[in-house]
N, C-alpha and C. Protein backbone atom coordinates (compact mmCIF):
# COMPACT_ATOMS: atom_id res chain seq x y z
N MET A 1 -88.43 31.47 -0.59
CA MET A 1 -88.93 30.86 0.68
C MET A 1 -87.72 29.61 0.72
N ASN A 2 -87.32 29.53 1.87
CA ASN A 2 -86.13 28.40 1.98
C ASN A 2 -86.62 27.31 3.18
N SER A 3 -86.23 26.47 3.19
CA SER A 3 -86.40 25.25 3.91
C SER A 3 -87.06 25.66 5.41
N SER A 4 -86.28 26.73 6.03
CA SER A 4 -86.30 27.08 7.32
C SER A 4 -88.22 27.91 7.31
N ASP A 5 -88.11 28.48 6.15
CA ASP A 5 -89.67 29.12 6.01
C ASP A 5 -90.83 28.35 5.90
N LEU A 6 -90.51 27.32 5.36
CA LEU A 6 -91.53 26.11 5.11
C LEU A 6 -91.57 25.40 6.22
N ALA A 7 -90.60 25.06 7.03
CA ALA A 7 -90.85 24.48 8.10
C ALA A 7 -91.52 25.31 9.28
N ASP A 8 -91.50 26.61 8.90
CA ASP A 8 -92.44 27.45 9.71
C ASP A 8 -94.31 27.18 9.22
N LEU A 9 -93.98 27.27 8.32
CA LEU A 9 -95.62 27.10 7.74
C LEU A 9 -95.98 25.80 7.97
N VAL A 10 -95.66 24.41 8.02
CA VAL A 10 -95.62 22.94 7.82
C VAL A 10 -94.69 22.13 8.46
N GLY A 11 -95.04 21.35 9.54
CA GLY A 11 -94.34 20.58 10.09
C GLY A 11 -93.15 20.06 9.29
N THR A 12 -92.06 19.23 9.67
CA THR A 12 -91.32 18.37 8.66
C THR A 12 -92.03 17.21 8.48
N ASP A 13 -92.67 16.79 9.84
CA ASP A 13 -93.34 15.50 9.54
C ASP A 13 -94.51 15.42 8.17
N THR A 14 -95.30 17.10 8.17
CA THR A 14 -96.04 16.99 6.80
C THR A 14 -95.08 17.04 6.01
N ILE A 15 -93.76 17.77 5.85
CA ILE A 15 -92.82 17.81 4.38
C ILE A 15 -92.36 16.58 4.03
N ALA A 16 -92.35 15.20 5.11
CA ALA A 16 -91.74 14.28 4.71
C ALA A 16 -92.68 13.40 3.91
N VAL A 17 -93.91 13.69 4.55
CA VAL A 17 -95.22 12.66 3.88
C VAL A 17 -95.62 13.30 2.66
N VAL A 18 -95.61 15.10 2.61
CA VAL A 18 -95.51 15.60 1.01
C VAL A 18 -94.63 14.82 0.22
N ILE A 19 -93.52 14.98 0.41
CA ILE A 19 -92.51 14.09 -0.35
C ILE A 19 -92.81 12.93 -0.74
N ALA A 20 -92.85 11.99 0.04
CA ALA A 20 -93.39 10.84 -0.21
C ALA A 20 -94.27 10.65 -1.48
N SER A 21 -95.68 11.65 -1.15
CA SER A 21 -96.45 11.37 -2.20
C SER A 21 -96.24 11.98 -3.25
N GLY A 22 -95.45 12.57 -3.65
CA GLY A 22 -94.47 13.43 -4.37
C GLY A 22 -93.59 12.21 -5.36
N LEU A 23 -93.04 11.32 -4.56
CA LEU A 23 -91.99 10.25 -4.79
C LEU A 23 -93.46 9.11 -5.47
N ILE A 24 -94.32 8.71 -4.82
CA ILE A 24 -95.43 7.68 -5.35
C ILE A 24 -96.13 8.36 -6.39
N LEU A 25 -96.13 9.75 -6.56
CA LEU A 25 -96.48 9.92 -7.95
C LEU A 25 -95.94 9.95 -9.18
N VAL A 26 -94.41 10.28 -8.82
CA VAL A 26 -93.57 10.04 -9.99
C VAL A 26 -93.52 8.75 -10.61
N CYS A 27 -93.86 7.42 -9.46
CA CYS A 27 -93.23 6.32 -9.67
C CYS A 27 -94.69 6.19 -10.71
N GLY A 28 -95.53 6.32 -10.21
CA GLY A 28 -97.10 6.16 -10.82
C GLY A 28 -96.80 6.65 -12.30
N LEU A 29 -96.32 7.80 -12.53
CA LEU A 29 -96.41 8.37 -13.95
C LEU A 29 -95.35 7.77 -14.54
N ALA A 30 -94.08 6.84 -14.24
CA ALA A 30 -93.12 6.12 -14.92
C ALA A 30 -93.90 4.66 -15.44
N LEU A 31 -94.77 4.35 -14.39
CA LEU A 31 -95.36 3.15 -14.76
C LEU A 31 -96.44 3.28 -15.72
N GLY A 32 -96.80 4.60 -15.83
CA GLY A 32 -97.81 4.83 -16.82
C GLY A 32 -96.85 4.79 -18.32
N VAL A 33 -95.63 4.81 -17.94
CA VAL A 33 -94.53 4.37 -19.47
C VAL A 33 -94.50 3.07 -19.86
N TRP A 34 -94.33 2.32 -19.08
CA TRP A 34 -94.35 0.67 -18.78
C TRP A 34 -95.60 0.20 -19.44
N LYS A 35 -97.06 0.93 -18.99
CA LYS A 35 -98.28 0.59 -19.43
C LYS A 35 -98.68 1.15 -20.69
N TYR A 36 -98.20 2.02 -21.49
CA TYR A 36 -98.18 2.58 -22.53
C TYR A 36 -97.22 1.57 -23.39
N HIS A 37 -96.04 1.57 -23.47
CA HIS A 37 -95.31 0.06 -23.93
C HIS A 37 -96.02 -0.84 -24.30
N GLY A 38 -96.60 -1.41 -23.06
CA GLY A 38 -97.33 -2.73 -23.44
C GLY A 38 -98.57 -2.63 -24.36
N ILE A 39 -99.50 -1.22 -24.10
CA ILE A 39 -100.35 -1.28 -25.24
C ILE A 39 -99.50 -1.02 -26.40
N ARG A 40 -98.70 -0.34 -26.96
CA ARG A 40 -98.02 -0.07 -28.18
C ARG A 40 -97.48 -1.62 -28.53
N THR A 41 -96.97 -2.46 -27.85
CA THR A 41 -96.34 -3.72 -28.00
C THR A 41 -97.12 -5.18 -27.96
N SER A 42 -98.13 -5.49 -27.30
CA SER A 42 -98.59 -6.19 -27.33
C SER A 42 -99.79 -6.38 -28.88
N PRO A 43 -99.87 -7.73 -28.79
CA PRO A 43 -100.62 -7.92 -29.82
C PRO A 43 -102.24 -7.63 -29.71
N GLU A 44 -102.65 -7.88 -28.17
CA GLU A 44 -104.02 -7.48 -27.49
C GLU A 44 -103.91 -5.57 -27.62
N HIS A 45 -102.96 -4.71 -27.47
CA HIS A 45 -102.64 -3.40 -27.40
C HIS A 45 -103.14 -3.17 -26.12
N ALA A 46 -102.91 -3.74 -25.17
CA ALA A 46 -103.20 -3.77 -23.83
C ALA A 46 -101.96 -4.25 -22.87
N ALA A 47 -101.35 -3.54 -22.02
CA ALA A 47 -100.47 -3.77 -21.11
C ALA A 47 -101.38 -4.99 -20.36
N HIS A 48 -99.78 -6.15 -19.31
CA HIS A 48 -100.05 -7.05 -18.70
C HIS A 48 -101.00 -6.17 -17.38
N ILE A 49 -102.51 -6.37 -16.81
CA ILE A 49 -102.94 -6.19 -15.79
C ILE A 49 -102.67 -5.83 -14.72
N TYR A 50 -101.17 -6.62 -14.53
CA TYR A 50 -100.51 -5.97 -13.10
C TYR A 50 -100.03 -4.72 -13.38
N VAL A 51 -99.54 -4.56 -14.94
CA VAL A 51 -98.94 -3.06 -15.06
C VAL A 51 -99.73 -2.28 -14.82
N ASP A 52 -100.86 -2.24 -15.48
CA ASP A 52 -102.24 -1.56 -15.14
C ASP A 52 -102.54 -1.29 -13.81
N ILE A 53 -102.81 -2.26 -12.97
CA ILE A 53 -102.99 -2.35 -11.54
C ILE A 53 -101.77 -1.25 -10.95
N ALA A 54 -100.63 -1.91 -11.12
CA ALA A 54 -99.59 -1.02 -10.48
C ALA A 54 -99.69 0.27 -10.84
N HIS A 55 -99.78 1.06 -12.29
CA HIS A 55 -100.21 2.15 -12.66
C HIS A 55 -101.36 3.02 -11.82
N ARG A 56 -101.94 2.52 -12.07
CA ARG A 56 -103.27 2.65 -11.16
C ARG A 56 -103.34 3.06 -9.98
N ALA A 57 -102.83 2.22 -9.24
CA ALA A 57 -102.84 2.26 -7.79
C ALA A 57 -101.81 2.99 -7.03
N ALA A 58 -100.60 3.30 -8.17
CA ALA A 58 -99.57 4.64 -7.48
C ALA A 58 -100.20 5.53 -7.67
N LEU A 59 -101.24 5.86 -8.81
CA LEU A 59 -101.70 7.26 -8.76
C LEU A 59 -102.80 7.63 -7.90
N MET A 60 -103.17 6.40 -7.61
CA MET A 60 -104.15 6.82 -6.26
C MET A 60 -103.77 7.08 -4.86
N TYR A 61 -102.60 6.23 -4.76
CA TYR A 61 -101.83 6.07 -3.78
C TYR A 61 -100.62 7.21 -3.38
N SER A 62 -100.76 8.05 -4.42
CA SER A 62 -100.01 9.28 -4.20
C SER A 62 -100.89 10.23 -3.63
N PHE A 63 -102.01 10.48 -4.00
CA PHE A 63 -103.50 11.01 -3.59
C PHE A 63 -103.77 10.87 -2.42
N ALA A 64 -103.80 9.67 -1.97
CA ALA A 64 -103.75 9.16 -0.69
C ALA A 64 -103.11 9.58 0.12
N THR A 65 -101.84 9.29 -0.07
CA THR A 65 -100.52 9.50 0.48
C THR A 65 -100.70 11.59 0.97
N LEU A 66 -101.16 12.19 0.14
CA LEU A 66 -101.07 13.85 0.38
C LEU A 66 -102.42 13.88 1.09
N VAL A 67 -103.59 13.45 0.91
CA VAL A 67 -104.45 13.24 2.22
C VAL A 67 -103.77 12.92 3.76
N LEU A 68 -102.93 11.95 3.94
CA LEU A 68 -102.50 11.51 5.17
C LEU A 68 -101.44 13.05 5.45
N ALA A 69 -100.92 13.71 4.23
CA ALA A 69 -100.01 14.83 4.80
C ALA A 69 -100.86 15.98 5.36
N ALA A 70 -102.37 16.17 4.78
CA ALA A 70 -103.46 17.05 5.58
C ALA A 70 -103.32 16.62 7.12
N LEU A 71 -103.57 15.38 7.35
CA LEU A 71 -103.91 14.71 8.27
C LEU A 71 -103.08 14.80 9.43
N VAL A 72 -101.62 14.70 8.81
CA VAL A 72 -100.50 14.57 9.76
C VAL A 72 -100.34 16.62 10.33
N GLU A 73 -100.71 17.31 9.06
CA GLU A 73 -100.44 18.32 9.34
C GLU A 73 -101.43 19.37 10.51
N LEU A 74 -102.80 18.33 10.35
CA LEU A 74 -104.11 18.87 11.45
C LEU A 74 -103.96 18.03 12.75
N SER A 75 -103.26 16.73 12.75
CA SER A 75 -103.18 16.28 13.89
C SER A 75 -102.30 17.33 15.17
N ALA A 76 -103.14 16.57 16.67
CA ALA A 76 -102.68 17.62 17.98
C ALA A 76 -101.43 16.69 17.74
N PHE A 77 -100.96 15.06 17.35
CA PHE A 77 -100.17 14.51 17.96
C PHE A 77 -98.62 15.41 17.86
N GLY A 78 -97.88 14.80 18.34
CA GLY A 78 -96.25 14.85 18.21
C GLY A 78 -95.88 14.69 16.86
N ALA A 79 -94.66 14.95 16.43
CA ALA A 79 -94.48 14.68 15.18
C ALA A 79 -93.87 12.67 14.91
N VAL A 80 -93.36 12.47 15.68
CA VAL A 80 -93.10 10.95 15.89
C VAL A 80 -94.15 10.34 15.39
N VAL A 81 -95.22 10.78 16.36
CA VAL A 81 -96.53 9.90 16.15
C VAL A 81 -97.13 10.10 15.29
N ASN A 82 -97.06 11.39 14.57
CA ASN A 82 -97.70 11.52 13.14
C ASN A 82 -97.35 10.63 12.22
N LEU A 83 -95.72 10.72 11.98
CA LEU A 83 -94.91 10.14 10.98
C LEU A 83 -94.95 8.59 11.13
N VAL A 84 -95.14 8.30 12.32
CA VAL A 84 -95.17 6.71 12.55
C VAL A 84 -96.65 6.09 11.81
N ALA A 85 -97.50 7.13 12.48
CA ALA A 85 -99.11 6.76 11.59
C ALA A 85 -99.25 6.81 10.12
N ALA A 86 -98.63 7.86 9.57
CA ALA A 86 -98.26 7.63 7.80
C ALA A 86 -97.49 6.98 7.64
N ALA A 87 -96.51 6.57 8.13
CA ALA A 87 -95.53 5.68 7.61
C ALA A 87 -96.05 4.35 7.53
N VAL A 88 -96.87 3.59 8.20
CA VAL A 88 -97.57 2.50 8.16
C VAL A 88 -98.21 2.52 7.05
N PRO A 89 -99.08 2.95 6.43
CA PRO A 89 -99.67 2.96 5.22
C PRO A 89 -98.91 3.16 4.11
N ILE A 90 -98.38 4.47 4.41
CA ILE A 90 -97.31 4.48 2.97
C ILE A 90 -96.17 3.48 2.50
N VAL A 91 -95.72 2.79 3.77
CA VAL A 91 -95.06 1.64 3.29
C VAL A 91 -95.96 -0.22 2.85
N PHE A 92 -96.95 0.23 3.22
CA PHE A 92 -97.93 -1.02 2.50
C PHE A 92 -98.60 -0.37 1.46
N PHE A 93 -98.71 1.03 0.91
CA PHE A 93 -98.99 1.25 -0.38
C PHE A 93 -97.71 1.03 -1.34
N VAL A 94 -96.86 1.28 -0.90
CA VAL A 94 -95.28 1.01 -2.20
C VAL A 94 -95.19 -0.27 -1.87
N ALA A 95 -95.43 -1.33 -0.98
CA ALA A 95 -95.30 -2.35 -1.18
C ALA A 95 -96.37 -3.43 -1.97
N ALA A 96 -97.27 -2.83 -2.22
CA ALA A 96 -98.46 -3.43 -2.95
C ALA A 96 -98.06 -3.16 -3.95
N ILE A 97 -97.81 -1.74 -4.45
CA ILE A 97 -97.13 -1.13 -5.76
C ILE A 97 -96.04 -2.25 -6.47
N ALA A 98 -95.39 -2.26 -5.33
CA ALA A 98 -93.94 -3.45 -5.84
C ALA A 98 -94.61 -4.77 -6.09
N ALA A 99 -95.64 -5.16 -5.49
CA ALA A 99 -96.01 -6.40 -5.94
C ALA A 99 -96.85 -6.59 -7.13
N TYR A 100 -97.63 -5.40 -7.76
CA TYR A 100 -98.24 -5.36 -8.67
C TYR A 100 -97.22 -5.45 -9.98
N CYS A 101 -95.98 -4.60 -9.71
CA CYS A 101 -94.91 -4.63 -10.60
C CYS A 101 -93.89 -5.89 -10.89
N ILE A 102 -93.83 -6.40 -9.98
CA ILE A 102 -92.90 -7.97 -9.89
C ILE A 102 -94.30 -9.09 -10.48
N HIS A 103 -95.40 -8.94 -10.30
CA HIS A 103 -96.59 -9.90 -11.16
C HIS A 103 -96.67 -9.20 -12.61
N GLY A 104 -96.69 -7.83 -12.93
CA GLY A 104 -96.54 -7.76 -14.22
C GLY A 104 -95.26 -7.75 -14.77
N ALA A 105 -94.12 -7.92 -14.35
CA ALA A 105 -92.79 -8.09 -14.68
C ALA A 105 -92.73 -10.02 -15.02
N LEU A 106 -93.42 -10.19 -14.60
CA LEU A 106 -93.24 -11.94 -14.46
C LEU A 106 -93.94 -12.28 -15.14
N ARG A 107 -95.19 -11.75 -15.53
CA ARG A 107 -96.60 -12.11 -16.19
C ARG A 107 -96.82 -13.99 -15.43
N ASP A 108 -96.79 -13.51 -14.44
CA ASP A 108 -96.88 -15.08 -13.84
C ASP A 108 -98.32 -15.42 -13.48
N THR A 109 -99.43 -14.18 -13.25
CA THR A 109 -100.62 -14.38 -12.85
C THR A 109 -101.92 -13.56 -13.42
N THR A 110 -102.73 -13.45 -12.96
CA THR A 110 -104.00 -12.38 -13.56
C THR A 110 -105.27 -12.10 -12.30
N ASN A 111 -104.32 -12.77 -11.21
CA ASN A 111 -105.09 -12.97 -9.93
C ASN A 111 -104.09 -13.32 -8.91
N GLN A 112 -103.62 -12.30 -8.27
CA GLN A 112 -102.40 -12.75 -7.19
C GLN A 112 -103.15 -13.88 -5.63
N PHE A 113 -104.26 -13.74 -5.94
CA PHE A 113 -104.87 -14.46 -4.80
C PHE A 113 -105.38 -15.54 -5.36
N GLU A 114 -104.99 -16.36 -6.77
CA GLU A 114 -105.65 -17.37 -7.03
C GLU A 114 -104.45 -18.98 -6.57
N LYS A 115 -103.80 -17.99 -6.67
CA LYS A 115 -102.45 -19.22 -5.91
C LYS A 115 -101.69 -18.27 -5.36
N PRO A 116 -102.14 -18.09 -4.09
CA PRO A 116 -101.35 -16.99 -3.34
C PRO A 116 -99.57 -17.35 -2.65
N MET A 117 -99.06 -16.63 -2.65
CA MET A 117 -97.86 -17.26 -2.09
C MET A 117 -97.90 -17.33 -0.39
N PRO A 118 -96.75 -18.26 0.07
CA PRO A 118 -97.01 -18.38 1.59
C PRO A 118 -97.07 -16.79 2.01
N GLY A 119 -97.74 -16.49 2.84
CA GLY A 119 -97.73 -15.50 3.62
C GLY A 119 -98.36 -14.33 3.35
N THR A 120 -99.18 -14.85 2.13
CA THR A 120 -100.06 -13.78 1.69
C THR A 120 -101.12 -13.10 2.39
N TYR A 121 -101.85 -14.29 3.22
CA TYR A 121 -102.81 -13.63 3.87
C TYR A 121 -102.69 -12.85 5.01
N LEU A 122 -101.27 -12.77 5.61
CA LEU A 122 -100.87 -12.69 6.87
C LEU A 122 -100.63 -11.27 6.30
N PHE A 123 -99.45 -11.22 4.99
CA PHE A 123 -99.60 -9.85 5.01
C PHE A 123 -100.88 -9.02 4.43
N MET A 124 -101.96 -9.44 3.81
CA MET A 124 -103.03 -8.58 3.80
C MET A 124 -103.36 -8.15 4.85
N LEU A 125 -103.50 -9.08 6.07
CA LEU A 125 -104.24 -9.16 7.53
C LEU A 125 -103.46 -7.56 7.99
N ALA A 126 -102.20 -7.56 8.07
CA ALA A 126 -101.30 -6.73 8.37
C ALA A 126 -101.45 -5.46 7.97
N LEU A 127 -101.49 -5.57 6.37
CA LEU A 127 -101.96 -4.40 5.55
C LEU A 127 -103.13 -4.02 5.95
N ILE A 128 -104.19 -4.45 6.21
CA ILE A 128 -105.57 -3.88 6.78
C ILE A 128 -105.52 -2.93 7.93
N VAL A 129 -105.08 -4.01 8.95
CA VAL A 129 -104.67 -3.46 10.45
C VAL A 129 -103.70 -1.86 10.13
N GLY A 130 -102.88 -1.99 9.30
CA GLY A 130 -101.77 -1.02 9.33
C GLY A 130 -102.21 0.16 8.70
N GLU A 131 -103.02 0.10 7.69
CA GLU A 131 -103.51 1.30 6.83
C GLU A 131 -104.48 1.86 7.27
N ILE A 132 -105.62 1.04 8.11
CA ILE A 132 -106.57 1.18 8.47
C ILE A 132 -106.13 2.13 9.97
N GLY A 133 -105.43 1.35 10.37
CA GLY A 133 -105.21 1.78 12.00
C GLY A 133 -104.28 2.95 11.79
N GLY A 134 -103.34 3.64 10.95
CA GLY A 134 -102.37 4.70 10.89
C GLY A 134 -103.18 5.61 10.52
N VAL A 135 -104.24 5.76 9.60
CA VAL A 135 -105.36 6.89 9.22
C VAL A 135 -106.74 7.02 10.64
N LEU A 136 -106.62 6.08 11.11
CA LEU A 136 -107.33 6.53 12.40
C LEU A 136 -106.54 6.89 13.41
N VAL A 137 -105.52 6.67 13.61
CA VAL A 137 -104.51 7.74 14.65
C VAL A 137 -104.51 8.70 14.31
N LEU A 138 -104.27 9.17 13.09
CA LEU A 138 -104.44 10.74 12.31
C LEU A 138 -105.37 11.27 12.64
N LEU A 139 -106.48 10.39 11.73
CA LEU A 139 -108.04 11.15 12.49
C LEU A 139 -108.02 11.11 14.04
N ALA A 140 -107.85 11.04 14.97
CA ALA A 140 -107.85 11.01 16.20
C ALA A 140 -107.11 12.36 16.23
N GLY A 141 -105.88 12.37 15.78
CA GLY A 141 -105.20 13.37 16.09
C GLY A 141 -106.04 14.72 15.73
N VAL A 142 -106.52 14.78 14.38
CA VAL A 142 -107.32 16.18 14.05
C VAL A 142 -108.56 15.89 15.29
N VAL A 143 -109.18 15.52 15.72
CA VAL A 143 -110.32 15.16 16.58
C VAL A 143 -110.08 15.86 17.57
N VAL A 144 -108.59 15.47 18.08
CA VAL A 144 -108.31 15.90 19.46
C VAL A 144 -107.81 17.26 19.27
N ARG A 145 -107.24 17.52 17.98
CA ARG A 145 -106.77 19.30 17.95
C ARG A 145 -108.44 20.07 17.55
N LEU A 146 -108.98 19.63 17.38
CA LEU A 146 -110.43 20.30 17.28
C LEU A 146 -111.79 20.36 18.37
N THR A 147 -110.88 19.34 19.46
CA THR A 147 -111.78 19.27 21.05
C THR A 147 -111.53 20.28 21.99
């Protein structure tokens, strides 16, 4: 099966989201190595909490992104609408993982909301609207296709 055969089975928008899911999964697996290193080398035999959170979040977000791929494939909307609707949550997934990695590397906090950086609450509001909104657009596309 070559790439054009795959594109005949599923849309290129779906393929892009599946690739994003795979990349996030690889990131989660690599973060597991960092977590393991923390467990092996720390006196408490535990990775920093934000390394642990980054690892778990990346694994969960990889599967959430795979759900987005299924919604993209089933959506009645065009590829551009589907890609934008899926990209918004994916960008926030990756941004959250990156933030967790930064806190894990810096070991600067065990609760990023205890002393939030400027713009944290605005970012969280955008994350909430973007993630939920993107999923709702894709769900609407599925409902439109079913009706």
